[in-house]
Amino acid sequence: MAIQKLYAGAKLRELRGRMGLTQKEFATKLGVSLPYLNQMENNNRPVSSSVMLGLVQEFGYDVTELASGDTERLVSDMREALADPVFTEAAPPLPDLRLTASNAPALARAFLDLHRAYRQTHERLASLDEALGREGARVAASPWEEVRDFFHYCDNYIDAVDHAAERFAEKAGGNLDAHIRAAFDDQGIAVRYADDAGIRRYDPSRKELTLSPRTAPETQRFQLLHQYALIAQGRLLEATLDLARFQTDTARSIAKVGMANYFAGAVLMPYGRFMEAAGETRHDLEELAVRFGASIEQVAHRLSTMQRPGAKGIPFFFVRVDQAGTITKRHSATRLQFARFGGACPLWNVHQAFETPGRFLRQLAETPDGVRYLCLARDVSKSGGSFHAPTRRFAIGLGCEVQHASAVVYADGMDIGTASAYQPIGISCRICERTNCHQRSVPPLERQLRIDPDQRGTLPYEIGR
């Protein structure tokens, strides 16, 4: 098997900038010539093994960061955006996109932001949004998308918040519930339970937190920790948000909620203990949920965050969808990308989880780039707590590249060595290159179509090469 060369010019430049070194000083510390370093920083040469060794010895750098998924994510996002019919010319070839993502990631993200703004304008016009016709109206980037992208490009791992949560959990001494109650007592905050609280309501003037008694114990514990993060960890959250530089106050507020959720999950499942337990149980979600007093969804989400430098877990993707197939949560530490515009692949097993409530569905899947995955799906419907209360229906998907399958209990008994066992899936039909998919909803935008009125196969057209 051919070894893939690693081009990481942007990350080398970023590291050199953080160290405040000139190219000459950096080259000397790495033991290479100045021209050779210049070529690597401009992606004219791959990063050599001797340079990787120098990065570890001289700077203590985690060289796995060089191969993180940022480049492939940007390439995937750009390919999907360029499949939009607004781009009438042929899309740039894949090598050009990879070159842009590697050498000019800021430019690639600016392009994606521009395309997102265009899509939002187009959708508002299509729905006759009268606000666009008002004087002074302008189109802003979606705060929700901005926050999702922030977590997406952080590999869903926030180091400072994660460590703070772990320290809080360590002080609990094995009795987390008592420690949480003591923490609220120290803040002078009363906790009560009432049916009219929604899920959680905090009154700062009365220093009173009200929770719904109808929710599951793990949900109540999570909501307590969420509110504690907002109150007692406010300075840490604000400092982390300052570094993110969100464009709007709305995006910052959404991200703050996300940060508080992150803190809560990291307290329930502190990094070191959770990493050890995940290995012991071979990532059995049910065992981990019982051991840490968390829900299946909380455990799956936490597994997707285990990307601490120097102590990384298996790179998992995590996604949650509603019954319409809309992705409501998405995080990926793998190369698998999710559809940003339109529906996800209908062959992905997460869509079938609603048909088998309470059961885990397993799938071996292969994406068009040839990468194979072990995929797990399950419904996580949430009762409203009474007969007349509506039930919120979701399904979650969790998965990793098949090379990690031996460390995951859900791979047991699956024929991972047989090519025919893998279901071909894609990101979305508009950019999927497969020509023989029986579930295709729309033609691929980059291919020519052949229409024969006298012949009909699975699709009413043939896709050209």
Protein backbone atom coordinates (compact mmCIF):
# COMPACT_ATOMS: atom_id res chain seq x y z
CA MET A 1 0.00 0.00 0.00
CA ALA A 2 1.37 3.41 -0.97
CA ILE A 3 2.11 5.77 1.91
CA GLN A 4 0.30 9.09 1.56
CA LYS A 5 2.62 12.06 1.68
CA LEU A 6 1.88 14.69 4.30
CA TYR A 7 1.75 18.33 3.21
CA ALA A 8 1.26 20.69 6.15
CA GLY A 9 2.76 24.03 5.16
CA ALA A 10 0.12 26.16 6.85
CA LYS A 11 0.56 24.37 10.17
CA LEU A 12 4.35 24.68 10.01
CA ARG A 13 4.00 28.42 9.41
CA GLU A 14 1.50 28.67 12.25
CA LEU A 15 3.84 26.86 14.67
CA ARG A 16 6.80 29.01 13.64
CA GLY A 17 4.71 32.14 14.16
CA ARG A 18 3.66 31.02 17.65
CA MET A 19 7.31 30.44 18.54
CA GLY A 20 8.33 33.86 17.16
CA LEU A 21 11.06 32.31 15.01
CA THR A 22 12.38 33.36 11.64
CA GLN A 23 12.53 30.78 8.87
CA LYS A 24 16.29 30.53 9.33
CA GLU A 25 16.00 29.94 13.10
CA PHE A 26 13.21 27.41 12.60
CA ALA A 27 15.19 25.54 9.92
CA THR A 28 18.25 25.38 12.19
CA LYS A 29 16.27 23.90 15.08
CA LEU A 30 14.72 21.30 12.76
CA GLY A 31 18.09 20.44 11.20
CA VAL A 32 17.10 21.27 7.62
CA SER A 33 18.23 23.87 5.11
CA LEU A 34 16.38 27.17 4.70
CA PRO A 35 15.30 26.38 1.09
CA TYR A 36 13.99 22.98 2.20
CA LEU A 37 11.90 24.56 4.99
CA ASN A 38 10.62 27.18 2.56
CA GLN A 39 9.48 24.44 0.19
CA MET A 40 7.70 22.57 2.98
CA GLU A 41 5.95 25.73 4.20
CA ASN A 42 4.70 26.33 0.66
CA ASN A 43 3.62 22.70 0.23
CA ASN A 44 6.14 22.09 -2.54
CA ARG A 45 7.60 19.26 -0.44
CA PRO A 46 5.98 16.89 2.06
CA VAL A 47 6.96 16.95 5.72
CA SER A 48 9.78 14.45 6.19
CA SER A 49 10.14 11.99 9.06
CA SER A 50 13.27 13.81 10.28
CA VAL A 51 11.31 17.07 10.49
CA MET A 52 8.55 15.32 12.46
CA LEU A 53 11.20 14.02 14.85
CA GLY A 54 12.60 17.53 15.19
CA LEU A 55 9.16 18.95 15.96
CA VAL A 56 8.77 16.45 18.79
CA GLN A 57 12.28 16.83 20.23
CA GLU A 58 12.67 20.60 19.91
CA PHE A 59 9.13 21.81 20.54
CA GLY A 60 7.24 18.88 22.12
CA TYR A 61 4.78 19.19 19.24
CA ASP A 62 2.06 16.57 18.78
CA VAL A 63 2.77 15.63 15.17
CA THR A 64 -0.67 14.06 14.81
CA GLU A 65 -1.88 17.66 14.66
CA LEU A 66 -0.17 17.95 11.26
CA ALA A 67 -2.55 15.39 9.84
CA SER A 68 -5.73 16.70 11.45
CA GLY A 69 -8.81 16.83 9.31
CA ASP A 70 -8.98 20.59 8.69
CA THR A 71 -7.70 20.37 5.10
CA GLU A 72 -9.99 17.53 4.06
CA ARG A 73 -12.94 19.21 5.76
CA LEU A 74 -12.31 22.43 3.88
CA VAL A 75 -11.93 20.54 0.61
CA SER A 76 -15.19 18.67 1.21
CA ASP A 77 -17.05 21.86 2.15
CA MET A 78 -15.69 23.71 -0.90
CA ARG A 79 -16.64 20.86 -3.24
CA GLU A 80 -20.18 20.90 -1.92
CA ALA A 81 -20.44 24.68 -2.20
CA LEU A 82 -19.02 24.64 -5.74
CA ALA A 83 -21.68 22.12 -6.77
CA ASP A 84 -24.22 24.93 -6.36
CA PRO A 85 -25.82 25.80 -9.74
CA VAL A 86 -24.74 29.42 -9.25
CA PHE A 87 -21.27 28.32 -10.39
CA THR A 88 -21.91 27.83 -14.07
CA GLU A 89 -18.33 27.04 -15.02
CA ALA A 90 -16.71 23.67 -14.31
CA ALA A 91 -15.58 23.34 -10.71
CA PRO A 92 -11.84 23.68 -10.02
CA PRO A 93 -10.06 20.33 -10.04
CA LEU A 94 -9.57 18.54 -6.75
CA PRO A 95 -5.80 19.23 -6.57
CA ASP A 96 -6.51 22.99 -6.78
CA LEU A 97 -8.99 22.77 -3.93
CA ARG A 98 -6.51 20.84 -1.80
CA LEU A 99 -3.82 23.39 -2.58
CA THR A 100 -6.12 26.22 -1.49
CA ALA A 101 -7.16 24.44 1.70
CA SER A 102 -3.53 23.68 2.59
CA ASN A 103 -1.88 26.99 1.63
CA ALA A 104 -4.70 29.47 2.20
CA PRO A 105 -7.21 28.04 4.70
CA ALA A 106 -8.39 31.52 5.69
CA LEU A 107 -9.26 32.23 2.05
CA ALA A 108 -11.13 28.91 1.82
CA ARG A 109 -13.19 29.74 4.91
CA ALA A 110 -13.91 33.23 3.57
CA PHE A 111 -15.21 31.64 0.36
CA LEU A 112 -17.46 29.31 2.40
CA ASP A 113 -18.75 32.25 4.44
CA LEU A 114 -19.55 34.13 1.23
CA HIS A 115 -21.35 31.16 -0.25
CA ARG A 116 -23.30 30.65 2.96
CA ALA A 117 -24.42 34.27 2.90
CA TYR A 118 -25.53 33.82 -0.72
CA ARG A 119 -27.50 30.69 0.15
CA GLN A 120 -29.25 32.44 3.00
CA THR A 121 -30.19 35.34 0.71
CA HIS A 122 -31.45 32.94 -1.95
CA GLU A 123 -33.55 30.98 0.57
CA ARG A 124 -35.06 34.14 2.00
CA LEU A 125 -35.99 35.38 -1.45
CA ALA A 126 -37.49 32.00 -2.32
CA SER A 127 -39.72 32.18 0.74
CA LEU A 128 -40.63 35.83 -0.01
CA ASP A 129 -39.00 37.11 3.16
CA GLU A 130 -40.26 40.66 3.16
CA ALA A 131 -37.47 41.82 5.43
CA LEU A 132 -35.08 41.85 2.47
CA GLY A 133 -37.20 44.50 0.85
CA ARG A 134 -37.06 46.88 3.76
CA GLU A 135 -34.78 49.84 3.68
CA GLY A 136 -31.46 49.15 5.32
CA ALA A 137 -31.96 45.39 5.44
CA ARG A 138 -28.81 43.34 5.12
CA VAL A 139 -27.89 39.67 5.09
CA ALA A 140 -25.75 38.45 7.96
CA ALA A 141 -24.03 35.13 8.37
CA SER A 142 -26.14 32.65 10.33
CA PRO A 143 -25.01 32.74 13.97
CA TRP A 144 -26.00 29.09 14.34
CA GLU A 145 -23.80 28.03 11.41
CA GLU A 146 -20.94 30.19 12.67
CA VAL A 147 -20.99 28.44 16.05
CA ARG A 148 -21.29 24.99 14.50
CA ASP A 149 -18.27 25.74 12.33
CA PHE A 150 -16.31 26.92 15.37
CA PHE A 151 -16.75 23.60 17.16
CA HIS A 152 -16.31 21.72 13.88
CA TYR A 153 -12.86 23.17 13.22
CA CYS A 154 -11.79 22.72 16.87
CA ASP A 155 -12.37 18.95 16.50
CA ASN A 156 -15.12 19.55 19.08
CA TYR A 157 -12.47 19.77 21.83
CA ILE A 158 -12.08 22.91 23.99
CA ASP A 159 -8.93 22.41 26.07
CA ALA A 160 -9.33 25.05 28.80
CA VAL A 161 -12.97 24.18 29.49
CA ASP A 162 -12.22 20.46 29.44
CA HIS A 163 -9.44 20.77 32.03
CA ALA A 164 -11.58 23.00 34.28
CA ALA A 165 -14.37 20.44 34.19
CA GLU A 166 -11.95 17.64 35.01
CA ARG A 167 -10.65 19.55 38.04
CA PHE A 168 -14.23 20.10 39.27
CA ALA A 169 -14.96 16.37 38.91
CA GLU A 170 -11.76 15.40 40.75
CA LYS A 171 -12.81 17.48 43.77
CA ALA A 172 -16.06 15.49 43.97
CA GLY A 173 -14.13 12.51 45.41
CA GLY A 174 -16.52 9.96 43.91
CA ASN A 175 -19.74 11.67 45.07
CA LEU A 176 -20.60 14.04 42.24
CA ASP A 177 -24.20 14.75 43.28
CA ALA A 178 -23.14 15.88 46.76
CA HIS A 179 -20.35 17.97 45.28
CA ILE A 180 -22.78 19.70 42.92
CA ARG A 181 -25.17 20.47 45.78
CA ALA A 182 -22.28 21.88 47.84
CA ALA A 183 -21.18 24.00 44.87
CA PHE A 184 -24.64 25.57 44.63
CA ASP A 185 -24.73 26.10 48.38
CA ASP A 186 -21.40 27.93 48.15
CA GLN A 187 -22.93 30.20 45.50
CA GLY A 188 -25.98 30.79 47.73
CA ILE A 189 -28.30 29.37 45.07
CA ALA A 190 -31.42 27.40 45.96
CA VAL A 191 -32.45 24.48 43.75
CA ARG A 192 -36.09 23.47 43.51
CA TYR A 193 -38.27 21.37 41.20
CA ALA A 194 -41.52 22.46 39.55
CA ASP A 195 -43.59 21.40 36.54
CA ASP A 196 -43.73 24.94 35.15
CA ALA A 197 -39.94 25.29 34.83
CA GLY A 198 -39.61 23.97 31.30
CA ILE A 199 -36.40 21.96 31.53
CA ARG A 200 -34.42 24.57 33.47
CA ARG A 201 -35.06 28.14 34.63
CA TYR A 202 -32.71 30.36 36.63
CA ASP A 203 -33.79 33.55 38.41
CA PRO A 204 -30.61 35.56 39.18
CA SER A 205 -32.46 38.14 41.29
CA ARG A 206 -33.75 35.46 43.65
CA LYS A 207 -30.71 33.19 43.15
CA GLU A 208 -33.05 30.30 42.49
CA LEU A 209 -32.69 27.48 39.96
CA THR A 210 -35.82 25.54 39.05
CA LEU A 211 -35.70 22.17 37.25
CA SER A 212 -38.44 19.99 35.84
CA PRO A 213 -39.11 16.87 37.95
CA ARG A 214 -40.29 15.10 34.78
CA THR A 215 -36.86 14.86 33.20
CA ALA A 216 -34.50 11.91 33.65
CA PRO A 217 -31.93 12.07 36.50
CA GLU A 218 -29.04 12.35 34.03
CA THR A 219 -30.77 15.30 32.36
CA GLN A 220 -31.29 17.03 35.72
CA ARG A 221 -27.63 16.48 36.62
CA PHE A 222 -26.53 17.85 33.25
CA GLN A 223 -28.72 20.94 33.61
CA LEU A 224 -27.36 21.62 37.10
CA LEU A 225 -23.82 21.53 35.76
CA HIS A 226 -24.77 23.68 32.78
CA GLN A 227 -26.12 26.41 35.07
CA TYR A 228 -23.11 26.11 37.39
CA ALA A 229 -20.81 26.67 34.43
CA LEU A 230 -22.65 29.86 33.48
CA ILE A 231 -22.47 31.17 37.05
CA ALA A 232 -19.14 29.98 38.47
CA GLN A 233 -17.10 29.48 35.28
CA GLY A 234 -18.26 32.66 33.57
CA ARG A 235 -14.80 34.24 33.31
CA LEU A 236 -13.32 31.12 31.72
CA LEU A 237 -16.18 30.86 29.22
CA GLU A 238 -15.92 34.55 28.31
CA ALA A 239 -12.14 34.33 27.80
CA THR A 240 -12.59 31.33 25.52
CA LEU A 241 -15.28 33.16 23.57
CA ASP A 242 -12.98 36.19 23.20
CA LEU A 243 -10.47 33.98 21.38
CA ALA A 244 -13.16 32.75 18.97
CA ARG A 245 -13.98 36.30 17.75
CA PHE A 246 -17.56 35.65 16.72
CA GLN A 247 -19.07 38.13 14.28
CA THR A 248 -22.28 38.81 16.22
CA ASP A 249 -23.48 38.91 19.80
CA THR A 250 -26.06 36.28 18.90
CA ALA A 251 -23.37 33.85 17.77
CA ARG A 252 -21.41 34.53 20.95
CA SER A 253 -24.49 33.84 23.08
CA ILE A 254 -25.19 30.57 21.25
CA ALA A 255 -21.55 29.55 21.68
CA LYS A 256 -21.70 30.34 25.39
CA VAL A 257 -24.58 27.90 25.76
CA GLY A 258 -22.50 25.36 23.84
CA MET A 259 -19.51 25.97 26.13
CA ALA A 260 -21.67 25.45 29.23
CA ASN A 261 -23.00 22.22 27.73
CA TYR A 262 -19.42 21.18 27.02
CA PHE A 263 -18.44 21.84 30.65
CA ALA A 264 -21.41 19.83 31.93
CA GLY A 265 -20.59 16.83 29.74
CA ALA A 266 -16.91 16.97 30.66
CA VAL A 267 -17.74 16.99 34.39
CA LEU A 268 -20.06 14.00 34.07
CA MET A 269 -17.40 12.20 32.02
CA PRO A 270 -13.98 13.63 33.03
CA TYR A 271 -11.39 13.15 30.34
CA GLY A 272 -8.88 10.81 32.01
CA ARG A 273 -11.38 8.50 33.71
CA PHE A 274 -13.69 8.46 30.72
CA MET A 275 -10.83 7.67 28.33
CA GLU A 276 -9.78 4.74 30.51
CA ALA A 277 -13.33 3.45 30.86
CA ALA A 278 -13.96 3.76 27.13
CA GLY A 279 -10.96 1.56 26.47
CA GLU A 280 -11.97 -0.98 29.12
CA THR A 281 -15.54 -1.31 27.80
CA ARG A 282 -14.44 -1.08 24.15
CA HIS A 283 -16.63 2.01 23.80
CA ASP A 284 -19.84 0.31 24.90
CA LEU A 285 -22.29 3.22 25.14
CA GLU A 286 -24.69 1.47 27.52
CA GLU A 287 -21.95 0.44 29.97
CA LEU A 288 -20.45 3.91 29.89
CA ALA A 289 -23.87 5.51 30.44
CA VAL A 290 -24.43 3.41 33.57
CA ARG A 291 -20.90 3.95 34.90
CA PHE A 292 -21.00 7.75 34.53
CA GLY A 293 -24.69 8.40 35.17
CA ALA A 294 -25.18 9.89 31.69
CA SER A 295 -27.55 9.32 28.79
CA ILE A 296 -26.67 7.39 25.63
CA GLU A 297 -26.63 10.65 23.65
CA GLN A 298 -24.37 12.36 26.20
CA VAL A 299 -21.91 9.45 26.06
CA ALA A 300 -21.88 9.40 22.25
CA HIS A 301 -21.34 13.16 22.14
CA ARG A 302 -18.51 12.93 24.67
CA LEU A 303 -16.74 10.26 22.63
CA SER A 304 -16.57 12.71 19.73
CA THR A 305 -14.67 15.21 21.91
CA MET A 306 -11.77 12.99 23.01
CA GLN A 307 -9.10 14.83 21.05
CA ARG A 308 -6.83 16.25 23.78
CA PRO A 309 -3.32 16.82 22.35
CA GLY A 310 -1.01 14.08 23.54
CA ALA A 311 -3.88 11.92 24.82
CA LYS A 312 -6.24 11.47 21.90
CA GLY A 313 -8.90 8.83 21.79
CA ILE A 314 -10.38 7.18 18.73
CA PRO A 315 -11.55 9.89 16.30
CA PHE A 316 -15.33 9.55 16.21
CA PHE A 317 -17.99 11.45 14.32
CA PHE A 318 -21.26 12.24 16.09
CA VAL A 319 -24.50 13.42 14.54
CA ARG A 320 -28.11 13.88 15.61
CA VAL A 321 -30.99 14.07 13.13
CA ASP A 322 -34.71 14.66 13.40
CA GLN A 323 -37.43 12.70 11.61
CA ALA A 324 -37.20 14.97 8.56
CA GLY A 325 -33.53 14.07 8.17
CA THR A 326 -32.36 17.51 9.27
CA ILE A 327 -29.02 17.42 11.06
CA THR A 328 -29.46 19.20 14.40
CA LYS A 329 -26.00 18.37 15.82
CA ARG A 330 -22.85 17.40 13.97
CA HIS A 331 -19.28 16.93 15.14
CA SER A 332 -16.51 15.05 13.41
CA ALA A 333 -12.96 14.23 14.40
CA THR A 334 -12.82 11.94 11.35
CA ARG A 335 -12.62 12.63 7.63
CA LEU A 336 -16.36 11.98 7.25
CA GLN A 337 -18.18 15.18 6.39
CA PHE A 338 -21.86 16.01 6.75
CA ALA A 339 -24.09 17.79 4.27
CA ARG A 340 -24.19 21.51 4.99
CA PHE A 341 -26.78 22.39 2.33
CA GLY A 342 -29.63 19.93 1.81
CA GLY A 343 -30.30 16.40 3.00
CA ALA A 344 -27.78 13.76 3.98
CA CYS A 345 -27.29 10.44 2.20
CA PRO A 346 -30.47 8.31 2.51
CA LEU A 347 -28.40 5.10 2.65
CA TRP A 348 -26.82 6.10 5.96
CA ASN A 349 -28.23 3.95 8.77
CA VAL A 350 -28.98 6.92 11.07
CA HIS A 351 -32.17 7.51 9.07
CA GLN A 352 -33.38 3.94 9.76
CA ALA A 353 -33.02 4.22 13.55
CA PHE A 354 -36.56 5.61 13.91
CA GLU A 355 -37.90 2.29 12.57
CA THR A 356 -36.30 0.25 15.37
CA PRO A 357 -36.68 2.20 18.64
CA GLY A 358 -34.46 1.07 21.49
CA ARG A 359 -32.05 -0.88 19.27
CA PHE A 360 -28.56 -0.16 17.99
CA LEU A 361 -28.14 -0.41 14.24
CA ARG A 362 -24.70 -1.25 12.87
CA GLN A 363 -23.41 -0.48 9.40
CA LEU A 364 -20.18 -0.82 7.47
CA ALA A 365 -20.05 2.10 5.06
CA GLU A 366 -17.69 3.42 2.42
CA THR A 367 -17.58 7.03 1.19
CA PRO A 368 -16.70 7.99 -2.39
CA ASP A 369 -13.11 8.78 -1.36
CA GLY A 370 -12.63 5.11 -0.48
CA VAL A 371 -12.56 5.58 3.32
CA ARG A 372 -14.44 2.88 5.24
CA TYR A 373 -16.35 3.45 8.46
CA LEU A 374 -18.07 1.54 11.22
CA CYS A 375 -21.37 3.36 11.82
CA LEU A 376 -23.71 3.04 14.78
CA ALA A 377 -27.22 4.51 14.99
CA ARG A 378 -29.98 4.58 17.58
CA ASP A 379 -33.14 6.55 18.28
CA VAL A 380 -33.04 8.84 21.33
CA SER A 381 -36.66 9.97 21.49
CA LYS A 382 -37.43 12.14 24.50
CA SER A 383 -40.79 11.93 26.24
CA GLY A 384 -42.47 15.11 27.40
CA GLY A 385 -43.29 13.46 30.74
CA SER A 386 -47.06 13.21 30.40
CA PHE A 387 -49.70 11.82 28.04
CA HIS A 388 -50.51 15.17 26.43
CA ALA A 389 -46.90 16.38 26.23
CA PRO A 390 -45.27 15.95 22.80
CA THR A 391 -42.44 13.48 22.32
CA ARG A 392 -39.32 14.85 20.67
CA ARG A 393 -37.95 12.29 18.24
CA PHE A 394 -34.28 12.19 17.28
CA ALA A 395 -31.74 9.63 16.16
CA ILE A 396 -28.01 9.75 16.80
CA GLY A 397 -25.17 8.41 14.71
CA LEU A 398 -21.69 7.57 15.96
CA GLY A 399 -18.83 6.11 14.00
CA CYS A 400 -15.13 5.81 13.31
CA GLU A 401 -12.85 4.66 10.54
CA VAL A 402 -12.81 0.89 10.28
CA GLN A 403 -9.13 0.71 11.17
CA HIS A 404 -10.24 1.29 14.79
CA ALA A 405 -12.94 -1.39 14.70
CA SER A 406 -11.08 -3.86 16.93
CA ALA A 407 -11.33 -1.34 19.81
CA VAL A 408 -15.11 -0.93 19.40
CA VAL A 409 -17.48 -3.59 20.73
CA TYR A 410 -20.06 -2.88 18.02
CA ALA A 411 -17.74 -4.28 15.35
CA ASP A 412 -17.84 -7.78 16.88
CA GLY A 413 -19.06 -10.35 14.39
CA MET A 414 -19.02 -7.96 11.42
CA ASP A 415 -17.21 -8.96 8.26
CA ILE A 416 -14.93 -5.94 8.09
CA GLY A 417 -12.49 -7.66 5.73
CA THR A 418 -15.00 -8.17 2.90
CA ALA A 419 -15.42 -5.30 0.45
CA SER A 420 -19.01 -6.26 -0.41
CA ALA A 421 -20.03 -5.80 3.24
CA TYR A 422 -19.64 -2.02 2.95
CA GLN A 423 -22.65 0.11 2.03
CA PRO A 424 -21.71 2.91 -0.39
CA ILE A 425 -22.76 6.24 1.15
CA GLY A 426 -21.99 9.86 0.27
CA ILE A 427 -22.35 13.36 1.66
CA SER A 428 -25.33 14.47 -0.41
CA CYS A 429 -26.74 13.52 -3.80
CA ARG A 430 -25.77 16.82 -5.42
CA ILE A 431 -22.05 16.15 -5.10
CA CYS A 432 -21.98 12.34 -4.90
CA GLU A 433 -20.02 10.82 -7.78
CA ARG A 434 -21.65 7.40 -7.69
CA THR A 435 -23.40 6.52 -10.94
CA ASN A 436 -25.34 3.44 -9.80
CA CYS A 437 -27.07 4.51 -6.58
CA HIS A 438 -30.66 3.26 -6.38
CA GLN A 439 -31.61 5.92 -3.79
CA ARG A 440 -30.35 8.98 -5.68
CA SER A 441 -32.81 11.86 -5.32
CA VAL A 442 -31.24 14.41 -7.71
CA PRO A 443 -28.54 14.16 -10.39
CA PRO A 444 -24.96 15.13 -9.56
CA LEU A 445 -24.35 18.70 -10.63
CA GLU A 446 -20.87 18.10 -12.05
CA ARG A 447 -21.85 15.31 -14.49
CA GLN A 448 -23.48 15.26 -17.90
CA LEU A 449 -26.78 13.38 -18.15
CA ARG A 450 -28.01 11.16 -20.96
CA ILE A 451 -31.77 10.94 -21.42
CA ASP A 452 -33.30 8.12 -23.47
CA PRO A 453 -37.12 8.38 -23.63
CA ASP A 454 -37.30 4.76 -24.88
CA GLN A 455 -35.40 3.27 -21.97
CA ARG A 456 -35.85 3.40 -18.20
CA GLY A 457 -33.62 1.93 -15.51
CA THR A 458 -33.65 2.61 -11.78
CA LEU A 459 -33.20 6.30 -12.61
CA PRO A 460 -34.87 8.20 -15.47
CA TYR A 461 -31.42 9.21 -16.77
CA GLU A 462 -27.89 7.91 -17.14
CA ILE A 463 -24.97 9.69 -15.53
CA GLY A 464 -21.99 10.33 -17.80
CA ARG A 465 -18.43 9.76 -16.69
